[in-house]
Amino acid sequence: MILYHATRKSSLDSIMSEGLSPSHYGAIHGSMEYPLPKPCVFLSSQMNSENLNTALFDEGEEEVVFLTIDAAGLD
């Protein structure tokens, strides 16, 4: 199964060398109406998910990139 993760382009080098970190969750999306009990990494089964508010990415000038993740290797 393939999953997708949206992030700012400036985070790409760090993610590629250190992996996805739940300590940075909400950095793009901001605060949530219903806070989660603990930090997490958001993944989607669709690149253009209805759960992804793409308008949030338009607020900054920094490019947003989508990572393709092969979930077969996840535990």
PDB file of N, CA and C in Angstrom:
ATOM      1  N   MET A   1       0.838  -1.177   0.000  1.00  0.00           N
ATOM      2  CA  MET A   1       0.000   0.000   0.000  1.00  0.00           C
ATOM      3  C   MET A   1       0.883   1.240   0.000  1.00  0.00           C
ATOM      4  N   ILE A   2       0.505   2.216  -0.796  1.00  0.00           N
ATOM      5  CA  ILE A   2       1.227   3.476  -0.871  1.00  0.00           C
ATOM      6  C   ILE A   2       0.480   4.528  -0.059  1.00  0.00           C
ATOM      7  N   LEU A   3       1.217   5.285   0.756  1.00  0.00           N
ATOM      8  CA  LEU A   3       0.660   6.384   1.538  1.00  0.00           C
ATOM      9  C   LEU A   3       1.392   7.665   1.175  1.00  0.00           C
ATOM     10  N   TYR A   4       0.783   8.798   1.490  1.00  0.00           N
ATOM     11  CA  TYR A   4       1.348  10.096   1.148  1.00  0.00           C
ATOM     12  C   TYR A   4       1.448  10.978   2.392  1.00  0.00           C
ATOM     13  N   HIS A   5       2.458  11.849   2.388  1.00  0.00           N
ATOM     14  CA  HIS A   5       2.662  12.804   3.474  1.00  0.00           C
ATOM     15  C   HIS A   5       3.022  14.146   2.858  1.00  0.00           C
ATOM     16  N   ALA A   6       2.327  15.199   3.274  1.00  0.00           N
ATOM     17  CA  ALA A   6       2.609  16.549   2.777  1.00  0.00           C
ATOM     18  C   ALA A   6       3.497  17.275   3.774  1.00  0.00           C
ATOM     19  N   THR A   7       4.489  18.003   3.250  1.00  0.00           N
ATOM     20  CA  THR A   7       5.399  18.748   4.115  1.00  0.00           C
ATOM     21  C   THR A   7       5.960  19.941   3.347  1.00  0.00           C
ATOM     22  N   ARG A   8       6.581  20.828   4.067  1.00  0.00           N
ATOM     23  CA  ARG A   8       7.253  21.956   3.412  1.00  0.00           C
ATOM     24  C   ARG A   8       8.561  21.469   2.796  1.00  0.00           C
ATOM     25  N   LYS A   9       8.928  22.075   1.678  1.00  0.00           N
ATOM     26  CA  LYS A   9      10.142  21.658   0.970  1.00  0.00           C
ATOM     27  C   LYS A   9      11.382  21.809   1.858  1.00  0.00           C
ATOM     28  N   SER A  10      11.393  22.803   2.723  1.00  0.00           N
ATOM     29  CA  SER A  10      12.558  23.017   3.599  1.00  0.00           C
ATOM     30  C   SER A  10      12.749  21.876   4.601  1.00  0.00           C
ATOM     31  N   SER A  11      11.716  21.071   4.829  1.00  0.00           N
ATOM     32  CA  SER A  11      11.824  19.942   5.765  1.00  0.00           C
ATOM     33  C   SER A  11      12.312  18.668   5.090  1.00  0.00           C
ATOM     34  N   LEU A  12      12.377  18.668   3.779  1.00  0.00           N
ATOM     35  CA  LEU A  12      12.670  17.450   3.030  1.00  0.00           C
ATOM     36  C   LEU A  12      14.024  16.829   3.383  1.00  0.00           C
ATOM     37  N   ASP A  13      15.087  17.618   3.450  1.00  0.00           N
ATOM     38  CA  ASP A  13      16.412  17.065   3.768  1.00  0.00           C
ATOM     39  C   ASP A  13      16.418  16.391   5.137  1.00  0.00           C
ATOM     40  N   SER A  14      15.805  17.028   6.126  1.00  0.00           N
ATOM     41  CA  SER A  14      15.744  16.459   7.473  1.00  0.00           C
ATOM     42  C   SER A  14      14.937  15.161   7.490  1.00  0.00           C
ATOM     43  N   ILE A  15      13.816  15.146   6.799  1.00  0.00           N
ATOM     44  CA  ILE A  15      12.988  13.931   6.757  1.00  0.00           C
ATOM     45  C   ILE A  15      13.738  12.799   6.075  1.00  0.00           C
ATOM     46  N   MET A  16      14.439  13.107   4.995  1.00  0.00           N
ATOM     47  CA  MET A  16      15.160  12.064   4.272  1.00  0.00           C
ATOM     48  C   MET A  16      16.317  11.505   5.086  1.00  0.00           C
ATOM     49  N   SER A  17      16.924  12.312   5.962  1.00  0.00           N
ATOM     50  CA  SER A  17      18.045  11.817   6.752  1.00  0.00           C
ATOM     51  C   SER A  17      17.611  11.261   8.110  1.00  0.00           C
ATOM     52  N   GLU A  18      16.539  11.797   8.702  1.00  0.00           N
ATOM     53  CA  GLU A  18      16.144  11.399  10.052  1.00  0.00           C
ATOM     54  C   GLU A  18      14.775  10.714  10.116  1.00  0.00           C
ATOM     55  N   GLY A  19      14.018  10.757   9.047  1.00  0.00           N
ATOM     56  CA  GLY A  19      12.678  10.178   9.046  1.00  0.00           C
ATOM     57  C   GLY A  19      11.628  11.187   9.471  1.00  0.00           C
ATOM     58  N   LEU A  20      10.375  10.782   9.392  1.00  0.00           N
ATOM     59  CA  LEU A  20       9.268  11.631   9.819  1.00  0.00           C
ATOM     60  C   LEU A  20       9.237  11.702  11.335  1.00  0.00           C
ATOM     61  N   SER A  21       9.013  12.880  11.864  1.00  0.00           N
ATOM     62  CA  SER A  21       9.032  13.068  13.309  1.00  0.00           C
ATOM     63  C   SER A  21       7.686  13.598  13.798  1.00  0.00           C
ATOM     64  N   PRO A  22       7.033  12.897  14.711  1.00  0.00           N
ATOM     65  CA  PRO A  22       5.764  13.387  15.232  1.00  0.00           C
ATOM     66  C   PRO A  22       5.909  14.645  16.084  1.00  0.00           C
ATOM     67  N   SER A  23       7.130  15.012  16.428  1.00  0.00           N
ATOM     68  CA  SER A  23       7.316  16.206  17.255  1.00  0.00           C
ATOM     69  C   SER A  23       7.012  17.489  16.485  1.00  0.00           C
ATOM     70  N   HIS A  24       6.900  17.403  15.169  1.00  0.00           N
ATOM     71  CA  HIS A  24       6.637  18.593  14.360  1.00  0.00           C
ATOM     72  C   HIS A  24       5.214  18.630  13.820  1.00  0.00           C
ATOM     73  N   TYR A  25       4.348  17.761  14.327  1.00  0.00           N
ATOM     74  CA  TYR A  25       3.006  17.709  13.753  1.00  0.00           C
ATOM     75  C   TYR A  25       2.283  19.034  13.954  1.00  0.00           C
ATOM     76  N   GLY A  26       1.504  19.406  12.965  1.00  0.00           N
ATOM     77  CA  GLY A  26       0.772  20.657  13.020  1.00  0.00           C
ATOM     78  C   GLY A  26       1.570  21.851  12.533  1.00  0.00           C
ATOM     79  N   ALA A  27       2.821  21.654  12.131  1.00  0.00           N
ATOM     80  CA  ALA A  27       3.647  22.774  11.681  1.00  0.00           C
ATOM     81  C   ALA A  27       3.068  23.425  10.437  1.00  0.00           C
ATOM     82  N   ILE A  28       2.457  22.651   9.567  1.00  0.00           N
ATOM     83  CA  ILE A  28       1.818  23.206   8.378  1.00  0.00           C
ATOM     84  C   ILE A  28       0.373  23.566   8.682  1.00  0.00           C
ATOM     85  N   HIS A  29      -0.325  22.676   9.336  1.00  0.00           N
ATOM     86  CA  HIS A  29      -1.763  22.840   9.523  1.00  0.00           C
ATOM     87  C   HIS A  29      -2.124  23.797  10.645  1.00  0.00           C
ATOM     88  N   GLY A  30      -1.235  24.021  11.584  1.00  0.00           N
ATOM     89  CA  GLY A  30      -1.555  24.861  12.728  1.00  0.00           C
ATOM     90  C   GLY A  30      -2.340  24.082  13.776  1.00  0.00           C
ATOM     91  N   SER A  31      -2.974  24.797  14.684  1.00  0.00           N
ATOM     92  CA  SER A  31      -3.716  24.115  15.745  1.00  0.00           C
ATOM     93  C   SER A  31      -4.985  23.493  15.172  1.00  0.00           C
ATOM     94  N   MET A  32      -5.448  22.462  15.836  1.00  0.00           N
ATOM     95  CA  MET A  32      -6.619  21.733  15.355  1.00  0.00           C
ATOM     96  C   MET A  32      -7.811  22.000  16.264  1.00  0.00           C
ATOM     97  N   GLU A  33      -8.988  21.880  15.689  1.00  0.00           N
ATOM     98  CA  GLU A  33     -10.211  22.098  16.451  1.00  0.00           C
ATOM     99  C   GLU A  33     -10.336  21.068  17.572  1.00  0.00           C
ATOM    100  N   TYR A  34      -9.945  19.827  17.270  1.00  0.00           N
ATOM    101  CA  TYR A  34      -9.967  18.751  18.251  1.00  0.00           C
ATOM    102  C   TYR A  34      -8.544  18.240  18.430  1.00  0.00           C
ATOM    103  N   PRO A  35      -7.831  18.749  19.444  1.00  0.00           N
ATOM    104  CA  PRO A  35      -6.434  18.327  19.635  1.00  0.00           C
ATOM    105  C   PRO A  35      -6.314  16.826  19.840  1.00  0.00           C
ATOM    106  N   LEU A  36      -5.249  16.277  19.302  1.00  0.00           N
ATOM    107  CA  LEU A  36      -4.964  14.852  19.459  1.00  0.00           C
ATOM    108  C   LEU A  36      -4.315  14.610  20.815  1.00  0.00           C
ATOM    109  N   PRO A  37      -4.477  13.410  21.379  1.00  0.00           N
ATOM    110  CA  PRO A  37      -3.901  13.136  22.699  1.00  0.00           C
ATOM    111  C   PRO A  37      -2.380  13.117  22.712  1.00  0.00           C
ATOM    112  N   LYS A  38      -1.761  12.860  21.558  1.00  0.00           N
ATOM    113  CA  LYS A  38      -0.303  12.889  21.495  1.00  0.00           C
ATOM    114  C   LYS A  38       0.106  13.205  20.055  1.00  0.00           C
ATOM    115  N   PRO A  39       1.329  13.712  19.871  1.00  0.00           N
ATOM    116  CA  PRO A  39       1.803  14.028  18.521  1.00  0.00           C
ATOM    117  C   PRO A  39       1.796  12.802  17.615  1.00  0.00           C
ATOM    118  N   CYS A  40       1.576  13.030  16.343  1.00  0.00           N
ATOM    119  CA  CYS A  40       1.542  11.941  15.380  1.00  0.00           C
ATOM    120  C   CYS A  40       2.000  12.444  14.013  1.00  0.00           C
ATOM    121  N   VAL A  41       2.160  11.533  13.095  1.00  0.00           N
ATOM    122  CA  VAL A  41       2.491  11.852  11.710  1.00  0.00           C
ATOM    123  C   VAL A  41       1.245  11.565  10.885  1.00  0.00           C
ATOM    124  N   PHE A  42       0.859  12.507  10.040  1.00  0.00           N
ATOM    125  CA  PHE A  42      -0.332  12.344   9.219  1.00  0.00           C
ATOM    126  C   PHE A  42       0.031  11.752   7.867  1.00  0.00           C
ATOM    127  N   LEU A  43      -0.642  10.664   7.518  1.00  0.00           N
ATOM    128  CA  LEU A  43      -0.467   9.997   6.236  1.00  0.00           C
ATOM    129  C   LEU A  43      -1.844   9.847   5.596  1.00  0.00           C
ATOM    130  N   SER A  44      -1.876   9.797   4.281  1.00  0.00           N
ATOM    131  CA  SER A  44      -3.134   9.628   3.564  1.00  0.00           C
ATOM    132  C   SER A  44      -2.970   8.558   2.501  1.00  0.00           C
ATOM    133  N   SER A  45      -4.045   7.852   2.230  1.00  0.00           N
ATOM    134  CA  SER A  45      -4.007   6.854   1.156  1.00  0.00           C
ATOM    135  C   SER A  45      -4.210   7.498  -0.209  1.00  0.00           C
ATOM    136  N   GLN A  46      -4.536   8.795  -0.223  1.00  0.00           N
ATOM    137  CA  GLN A  46      -4.726   9.524  -1.482  1.00  0.00           C
ATOM    138  C   GLN A  46      -3.917  10.810  -1.444  1.00  0.00           C
ATOM    139  N   MET A  47      -3.236  11.127  -2.535  1.00  0.00           N
ATOM    140  CA  MET A  47      -2.463  12.360  -2.563  1.00  0.00           C
ATOM    141  C   MET A  47      -3.382  13.571  -2.471  1.00  0.00           C
ATOM    142  N   ASN A  48      -4.539  13.496  -3.097  1.00  0.00           N
ATOM    143  CA  ASN A  48      -5.492  14.603  -3.075  1.00  0.00           C
ATOM    144  C   ASN A  48      -6.666  14.249  -2.172  1.00  0.00           C
ATOM    145  N   SER A  49      -6.386  14.039  -0.906  1.00  0.00           N
ATOM    146  CA  SER A  49      -7.394  13.629   0.055  1.00  0.00           C
ATOM    147  C   SER A  49      -8.310  14.792   0.409  1.00  0.00           C
ATOM    148  N   GLU A  50      -9.572  14.505   0.618  1.00  0.00           N
ATOM    149  CA  GLU A  50     -10.505  15.524   1.078  1.00  0.00           C
ATOM    150  C   GLU A  50     -10.177  15.947   2.506  1.00  0.00           C
ATOM    151  N   ASN A  51      -9.416  15.140   3.211  1.00  0.00           N
ATOM    152  CA  ASN A  51      -9.011  15.477   4.575  1.00  0.00           C
ATOM    153  C   ASN A  51      -7.870  16.483   4.602  1.00  0.00           C
ATOM    154  N   LEU A  52      -7.265  16.736   3.463  1.00  0.00           N
ATOM    155  CA  LEU A  52      -6.128  17.641   3.385  1.00  0.00           C
ATOM    156  C   LEU A  52      -6.612  19.009   2.930  1.00  0.00           C
ATOM    157  N   ASN A  53      -6.538  19.980   3.815  1.00  0.00           N
ATOM    158  CA  ASN A  53      -6.976  21.327   3.487  1.00  0.00           C
ATOM    159  C   ASN A  53      -5.853  22.035   2.750  1.00  0.00           C
ATOM    160  N   THR A  54      -5.868  21.965   1.429  1.00  0.00           N
ATOM    161  CA  THR A  54      -4.768  22.520   0.642  1.00  0.00           C
ATOM    162  C   THR A  54      -4.708  24.046   0.731  1.00  0.00           C
ATOM    163  N   ALA A  55      -5.778  24.686   1.145  1.00  0.00           N
ATOM    164  CA  ALA A  55      -5.748  26.143   1.306  1.00  0.00           C
ATOM    165  C   ALA A  55      -4.735  26.551   2.370  1.00  0.00           C
ATOM    166  N   LEU A  56      -4.473  25.659   3.329  1.00  0.00           N
ATOM    167  CA  LEU A  56      -3.496  25.966   4.362  1.00  0.00           C
ATOM    168  C   LEU A  56      -2.102  26.143   3.782  1.00  0.00           C
ATOM    169  N   PHE A  57      -1.828  25.482   2.673  1.00  0.00           N
ATOM    170  CA  PHE A  57      -0.512  25.585   2.053  1.00  0.00           C
ATOM    171  C   PHE A  57      -0.349  26.879   1.278  1.00  0.00           C
ATOM    172  N   ASP A  58      -1.444  27.511   0.924  1.00  0.00           N
ATOM    173  CA  ASP A  58      -1.391  28.748   0.147  1.00  0.00           C
ATOM    174  C   ASP A  58      -1.019  29.956   1.001  1.00  0.00           C
ATOM    175  N   GLU A  59      -1.049  29.800   2.318  1.00  0.00           N
ATOM    176  CA  GLU A  59      -0.782  30.916   3.209  1.00  0.00           C
ATOM    177  C   GLU A  59       0.688  31.319   3.235  1.00  0.00           C
ATOM    178  N   GLY A  60       1.574  30.408   2.930  1.00  0.00           N
ATOM    179  CA  GLY A  60       3.000  30.718   2.942  1.00  0.00           C
ATOM    180  C   GLY A  60       3.556  30.712   1.536  1.00  0.00           C
ATOM    181  N   GLU A  61       4.742  31.214   1.409  1.00  0.00           N
ATOM    182  CA  GLU A  61       5.382  31.251   0.097  1.00  0.00           C
ATOM    183  C   GLU A  61       6.198  29.993  -0.171  1.00  0.00           C
ATOM    184  N   GLU A  62       6.386  29.185   0.857  1.00  0.00           N
ATOM    185  CA  GLU A  62       7.231  28.006   0.715  1.00  0.00           C
ATOM    186  C   GLU A  62       6.484  26.879   0.014  1.00  0.00           C
ATOM    187  N   GLU A  63       7.181  26.209  -0.881  1.00  0.00           N
ATOM    188  CA  GLU A  63       6.593  25.109  -1.642  1.00  0.00           C
ATOM    189  C   GLU A  63       6.289  23.916  -0.738  1.00  0.00           C
ATOM    190  N   VAL A  64       5.163  23.266  -1.006  1.00  0.00           N
ATOM    191  CA  VAL A  64       4.782  22.051  -0.303  1.00  0.00           C
ATOM    192  C   VAL A  64       5.062  20.868  -1.218  1.00  0.00           C
ATOM    193  N   VAL A  65       5.659  19.813  -0.665  1.00  0.00           N
ATOM    194  CA  VAL A  65       5.950  18.608  -1.438  1.00  0.00           C
ATOM    195  C   VAL A  65       5.197  17.437  -0.819  1.00  0.00           C
ATOM    196  N   PHE A  66       4.918  16.429  -1.630  1.00  0.00           N
ATOM    197  CA  PHE A  66       4.213  15.243  -1.167  1.00  0.00           C
ATOM    198  C   PHE A  66       5.165  14.056  -1.246  1.00  0.00           C
ATOM    199  N   LEU A  67       5.352  13.384  -0.127  1.00  0.00           N
ATOM    200  CA  LEU A  67       6.208  12.208  -0.070  1.00  0.00           C
ATOM    201  C   LEU A  67       5.375  10.971  -0.339  1.00  0.00           C
ATOM    202  N   THR A  68       5.907  10.047  -1.090  1.00  0.00           N
ATOM    203  CA  THR A  68       5.276   8.763  -1.357  1.00  0.00           C
ATOM    204  C   THR A  68       5.942   7.736  -0.458  1.00  0.00           C
ATOM    205  N   ILE A  69       5.136   7.037   0.334  1.00  0.00           N
ATOM    206  CA  ILE A  69       5.668   6.104   1.328  1.00  0.00           C
ATOM    207  C   ILE A  69       5.113   4.707   1.066  1.00  0.00           C
ATOM    208  N   ASP A  70       6.015   3.753   0.951  1.00  0.00           N
ATOM    209  CA  ASP A  70       5.606   2.357   0.800  1.00  0.00           C
ATOM    210  C   ASP A  70       5.321   1.805   2.192  1.00  0.00           C
ATOM    211  N   ALA A  71       4.048   1.622   2.507  1.00  0.00           N
ATOM    212  CA  ALA A  71       3.641   1.214   3.846  1.00  0.00           C
ATOM    213  C   ALA A  71       3.968  -0.247   4.157  1.00  0.00           C
ATOM    214  N   ALA A  72       4.408  -1.005   3.186  1.00  0.00           N
ATOM    215  CA  ALA A  72       4.744  -2.412   3.422  1.00  0.00           C
ATOM    216  C   ALA A  72       5.856  -2.548   4.455  1.00  0.00           C
ATOM    217  N   GLY A  73       6.711  -1.553   4.562  1.00  0.00           N
ATOM    218  CA  GLY A  73       7.830  -1.624   5.485  1.00  0.00           C
ATOM    219  C   GLY A  73       7.537  -1.006   6.855  1.00  0.00           C
ATOM    220  N   LEU A  74       6.323  -0.532   7.072  1.00  0.00           N
ATOM    221  CA  LEU A  74       5.988   0.096   8.362  1.00  0.00           C
ATOM    222  C   LEU A  74       5.516  -0.950   9.355  1.00  0.00           C
ATOM    223  N   ASP A  75       5.795  -0.692  10.638  1.00  0.00           N
ATOM    224  CA  ASP A  75       5.268  -1.596  11.672  1.00  0.00           C
ATOM    225  C   ASP A  75       4.124  -0.947  12.407  1.00  0.00           C
TER     226      ASP A  75
END
